Amino acid sequence: MKQKKIPMRMCVGCREMKPKRELVRLVADPEGIIRMDLTGKVSGRGAYLCRNEQCLDRAIKIRAVQHALEKDLTQEEIERLREEIRADA
C-alpha cells in the first residue's frame, strides 16, 4: 500500500520544516484582521508558526510575520496573538 504524503510547511519563526498539522496558521483576512486559523481553511494570506510563544516572538522581531502577511502588526494584535498561542498550547 502506498504511503500517504504528509504536507510540510515552514515556521516563519524558527524556519524549520514541520508537518502542517503541528503548526498553526496566522491569517490576514480580506478585511485586514490578523487571527489564528486552527482549521487551515480560512481565506486570506497566511503564515505558519509553531505553537509556542518563542517562535511568535522571534517571527515578530525579525518581521517575518509582517513580511509574510504583507501587513504591519499593531501592539494590540501582537498581544492578542500571544494570548491565543498560550491558550492553544
N, C-alpha and C. Protein backbone atom coordinates (compact mmCIF):
# COMPACT_ATOMS: atom_id res chain seq x y z
N MET A 1 0.84 -1.18 0.00
CA MET A 1 0.00 0.00 0.00
C MET A 1 0.89 1.25 0.00
N LYS A 2 0.49 2.23 -0.77
CA LYS A 2 1.27 3.45 -0.92
C LYS A 2 1.17 4.32 0.34
N GLN A 3 2.31 4.85 0.79
CA GLN A 3 2.35 5.72 1.97
C GLN A 3 1.75 7.07 1.61
N LYS A 4 0.90 7.61 2.48
CA LYS A 4 0.27 8.89 2.25
C LYS A 4 1.28 10.01 2.49
N LYS A 5 1.31 10.99 1.59
CA LYS A 5 2.24 12.10 1.70
C LYS A 5 1.79 13.05 2.80
N ILE A 6 2.74 13.45 3.66
CA ILE A 6 2.44 14.38 4.76
C ILE A 6 2.82 15.78 4.30
N PRO A 7 1.85 16.72 4.25
CA PRO A 7 2.19 18.07 3.82
C PRO A 7 3.09 18.77 4.85
N MET A 8 4.15 19.39 4.36
CA MET A 8 5.11 20.07 5.23
C MET A 8 5.01 21.58 4.99
N ARG A 9 5.21 22.34 6.07
CA ARG A 9 5.22 23.81 6.00
C ARG A 9 6.39 24.31 6.83
N MET A 10 6.84 25.54 6.54
CA MET A 10 7.95 26.13 7.28
C MET A 10 7.43 27.16 8.28
N CYS A 11 7.91 27.05 9.51
CA CYS A 11 7.57 28.02 10.55
C CYS A 11 8.31 29.32 10.23
N VAL A 12 7.60 30.45 10.27
CA VAL A 12 8.24 31.74 9.98
C VAL A 12 9.14 32.21 11.13
N GLY A 13 9.00 31.60 12.30
CA GLY A 13 9.82 31.98 13.45
C GLY A 13 11.14 31.25 13.49
N CYS A 14 11.11 29.92 13.57
CA CYS A 14 12.33 29.12 13.68
C CYS A 14 12.84 28.63 12.33
N ARG A 15 12.05 28.79 11.26
CA ARG A 15 12.41 28.41 9.90
C ARG A 15 12.63 26.90 9.74
N GLU A 16 11.96 26.09 10.58
CA GLU A 16 12.06 24.63 10.47
C GLU A 16 10.86 24.10 9.70
N MET A 17 11.11 23.08 8.88
CA MET A 17 10.04 22.41 8.16
C MET A 17 9.40 21.40 9.12
N LYS A 18 8.08 21.48 9.25
CA LYS A 18 7.34 20.58 10.13
C LYS A 18 6.05 20.16 9.44
N PRO A 19 5.45 19.05 9.90
CA PRO A 19 4.15 18.68 9.34
C PRO A 19 3.13 19.79 9.58
N LYS A 20 2.29 20.00 8.59
CA LYS A 20 1.31 21.08 8.62
C LYS A 20 0.44 21.04 9.87
N ARG A 21 0.08 19.85 10.34
CA ARG A 21 -0.80 19.72 11.49
C ARG A 21 -0.15 20.15 12.81
N GLU A 22 1.19 20.18 12.86
CA GLU A 22 1.89 20.61 14.08
C GLU A 22 1.96 22.13 14.19
N LEU A 23 1.67 22.84 13.11
CA LEU A 23 1.79 24.29 13.08
C LEU A 23 0.42 24.94 13.14
N VAL A 24 0.40 26.20 13.48
CA VAL A 24 -0.83 26.98 13.47
C VAL A 24 -0.68 28.03 12.36
N ARG A 25 -1.76 28.33 11.69
CA ARG A 25 -1.73 29.29 10.58
C ARG A 25 -2.24 30.63 11.07
N LEU A 26 -1.46 31.67 10.79
CA LEU A 26 -1.90 33.04 11.04
C LEU A 26 -2.43 33.57 9.72
N VAL A 27 -3.57 34.25 9.76
CA VAL A 27 -4.22 34.71 8.53
C VAL A 27 -4.53 36.19 8.62
N ALA A 28 -4.23 36.89 7.52
CA ALA A 28 -4.70 38.26 7.34
C ALA A 28 -5.89 38.14 6.39
N ASP A 29 -7.09 38.24 6.94
CA ASP A 29 -8.27 38.04 6.10
C ASP A 29 -8.48 39.26 5.19
N PRO A 30 -9.41 39.18 4.25
CA PRO A 30 -9.61 40.29 3.30
C PRO A 30 -9.89 41.64 3.96
N GLU A 31 -10.42 41.65 5.18
CA GLU A 31 -10.67 42.91 5.87
C GLU A 31 -9.41 43.45 6.56
N GLY A 32 -8.33 42.65 6.56
CA GLY A 32 -7.07 43.07 7.17
C GLY A 32 -6.91 42.67 8.62
N ILE A 33 -7.81 41.86 9.15
CA ILE A 33 -7.74 41.42 10.54
C ILE A 33 -6.83 40.20 10.62
N ILE A 34 -5.88 40.23 11.57
CA ILE A 34 -4.96 39.10 11.76
C ILE A 34 -5.53 38.21 12.85
N ARG A 35 -5.60 36.89 12.55
CA ARG A 35 -6.10 35.95 13.56
C ARG A 35 -5.51 34.58 13.31
N MET A 36 -5.65 33.71 14.31
CA MET A 36 -5.21 32.33 14.17
C MET A 36 -6.26 31.52 13.44
N ASP A 37 -5.82 30.65 12.57
CA ASP A 37 -6.70 29.77 11.81
C ASP A 37 -6.37 28.33 12.20
N LEU A 38 -7.14 27.77 13.12
CA LEU A 38 -6.87 26.41 13.58
C LEU A 38 -7.30 25.35 12.58
N THR A 39 -8.23 25.71 11.67
CA THR A 39 -8.72 24.75 10.68
C THR A 39 -7.83 24.70 9.44
N GLY A 40 -7.13 25.80 9.15
CA GLY A 40 -6.30 25.87 7.95
C GLY A 40 -7.09 26.14 6.70
N LYS A 41 -8.33 26.57 6.84
CA LYS A 41 -9.19 26.75 5.68
C LYS A 41 -9.73 28.17 5.50
N VAL A 42 -9.40 29.08 6.41
CA VAL A 42 -9.89 30.45 6.31
C VAL A 42 -9.22 31.13 5.12
N SER A 43 -9.99 31.88 4.34
CA SER A 43 -9.41 32.54 3.18
C SER A 43 -8.60 33.76 3.63
N GLY A 44 -7.59 34.03 2.87
CA GLY A 44 -6.72 35.16 3.17
C GLY A 44 -5.27 34.76 3.11
N ARG A 45 -4.42 35.73 3.28
CA ARG A 45 -2.97 35.50 3.22
C ARG A 45 -2.51 34.87 4.52
N GLY A 46 -1.72 33.80 4.45
CA GLY A 46 -1.36 33.06 5.65
C GLY A 46 0.13 32.88 5.86
N ALA A 47 0.47 32.58 7.12
CA ALA A 47 1.84 32.26 7.52
C ALA A 47 1.75 31.19 8.59
N TYR A 48 2.65 30.22 8.55
CA TYR A 48 2.63 29.13 9.53
C TYR A 48 3.62 29.40 10.64
N LEU A 49 3.24 28.96 11.86
CA LEU A 49 4.02 29.23 13.04
C LEU A 49 3.91 28.07 14.01
N CYS A 50 5.01 27.75 14.70
CA CYS A 50 4.97 26.72 15.74
C CYS A 50 4.01 27.16 16.84
N ARG A 51 3.54 26.20 17.60
CA ARG A 51 2.57 26.50 18.66
C ARG A 51 3.26 26.90 19.96
N ASN A 52 4.26 27.78 19.88
CA ASN A 52 4.90 28.27 21.09
C ASN A 52 5.20 29.76 20.97
N GLU A 53 5.29 30.40 22.11
CA GLU A 53 5.43 31.85 22.15
C GLU A 53 6.81 32.31 21.67
N GLN A 54 7.84 31.47 21.85
CA GLN A 54 9.19 31.85 21.44
C GLN A 54 9.26 32.05 19.92
N CYS A 55 8.62 31.17 19.17
CA CYS A 55 8.62 31.31 17.71
C CYS A 55 7.85 32.57 17.29
N LEU A 56 6.75 32.85 17.96
CA LEU A 56 5.99 34.07 17.65
C LEU A 56 6.84 35.30 17.91
N ASP A 57 7.52 35.34 19.08
CA ASP A 57 8.36 36.49 19.42
C ASP A 57 9.48 36.67 18.40
N ARG A 58 10.12 35.58 18.02
CA ARG A 58 11.21 35.67 17.05
C ARG A 58 10.69 36.13 15.69
N ALA A 59 9.54 35.60 15.27
CA ALA A 59 8.97 35.97 13.97
C ALA A 59 8.60 37.45 13.94
N ILE A 60 8.12 37.98 15.06
CA ILE A 60 7.77 39.40 15.12
C ILE A 60 9.05 40.24 15.13
N LYS A 61 10.06 39.78 15.88
CA LYS A 61 11.31 40.53 15.99
C LYS A 61 12.00 40.66 14.63
N ILE A 62 12.04 39.58 13.86
CA ILE A 62 12.70 39.64 12.55
C ILE A 62 11.73 40.07 11.44
N ARG A 63 10.52 40.45 11.82
CA ARG A 63 9.49 40.95 10.92
C ARG A 63 9.05 39.92 9.88
N ALA A 64 9.18 38.64 10.20
CA ALA A 64 8.79 37.57 9.28
C ALA A 64 7.27 37.50 9.14
N VAL A 65 6.55 37.70 10.23
CA VAL A 65 5.08 37.67 10.17
C VAL A 65 4.58 38.83 9.32
N GLN A 66 5.11 40.01 9.57
CA GLN A 66 4.69 41.19 8.82
C GLN A 66 4.99 41.01 7.33
N HIS A 67 6.14 40.44 7.01
CA HIS A 67 6.52 40.23 5.62
C HIS A 67 5.61 39.19 4.96
N ALA A 68 5.36 38.08 5.64
CA ALA A 68 4.54 37.01 5.07
C ALA A 68 3.09 37.44 4.87
N LEU A 69 2.57 38.22 5.82
CA LEU A 69 1.17 38.64 5.73
C LEU A 69 1.00 39.96 4.98
N GLU A 70 2.11 40.60 4.63
CA GLU A 70 2.10 41.88 3.93
C GLU A 70 1.28 42.93 4.68
N LYS A 71 1.43 42.95 6.00
CA LYS A 71 0.70 43.91 6.84
C LYS A 71 1.50 44.13 8.12
N ASP A 72 1.60 45.40 8.54
CA ASP A 72 2.24 45.69 9.82
C ASP A 72 1.30 45.35 10.96
N LEU A 73 1.87 44.78 12.02
CA LEU A 73 1.07 44.39 13.18
C LEU A 73 1.08 45.51 14.21
N THR A 74 -0.08 45.76 14.80
CA THR A 74 -0.15 46.71 15.91
C THR A 74 0.20 45.97 17.20
N GLN A 75 0.52 46.73 18.23
CA GLN A 75 0.85 46.12 19.53
C GLN A 75 -0.35 45.33 20.06
N GLU A 76 -1.55 45.82 19.82
CA GLU A 76 -2.77 45.12 20.25
C GLU A 76 -2.90 43.76 19.56
N GLU A 77 -2.62 43.70 18.26
CA GLU A 77 -2.69 42.44 17.52
C GLU A 77 -1.62 41.45 18.02
N ILE A 78 -0.44 41.97 18.32
CA ILE A 78 0.65 41.12 18.82
C ILE A 78 0.25 40.50 20.16
N GLU A 79 -0.30 41.29 21.06
CA GLU A 79 -0.73 40.78 22.37
C GLU A 79 -1.85 39.75 22.22
N ARG A 80 -2.79 40.00 21.32
CA ARG A 80 -3.89 39.06 21.10
C ARG A 80 -3.36 37.74 20.56
N LEU A 81 -2.41 37.80 19.63
CA LEU A 81 -1.81 36.57 19.10
C LEU A 81 -1.07 35.79 20.17
N ARG A 82 -0.36 36.51 21.06
CA ARG A 82 0.34 35.85 22.17
C ARG A 82 -0.65 35.11 23.06
N GLU A 83 -1.76 35.76 23.39
CA GLU A 83 -2.78 35.12 24.23
C GLU A 83 -3.37 33.90 23.54
N GLU A 84 -3.63 33.99 22.24
CA GLU A 84 -4.20 32.86 21.51
C GLU A 84 -3.20 31.69 21.45
N ILE A 85 -1.91 32.00 21.28
CA ILE A 85 -0.89 30.94 21.25
C ILE A 85 -0.80 30.26 22.62
N ARG A 86 -0.83 31.07 23.70
CA ARG A 86 -0.79 30.49 25.07
C ARG A 86 -1.99 29.59 25.29
N ALA A 87 -3.17 30.02 24.86
CA ALA A 87 -4.39 29.24 25.07
C ALA A 87 -4.39 27.95 24.24
N ASP A 88 -3.78 28.00 23.06
CA ASP A 88 -3.76 26.85 22.17
C ASP A 88 -2.73 25.80 22.61
N ALA A 89 -1.64 26.25 23.21
CA ALA A 89 -0.56 25.32 23.57
C ALA A 89 -0.87 24.46 24.76
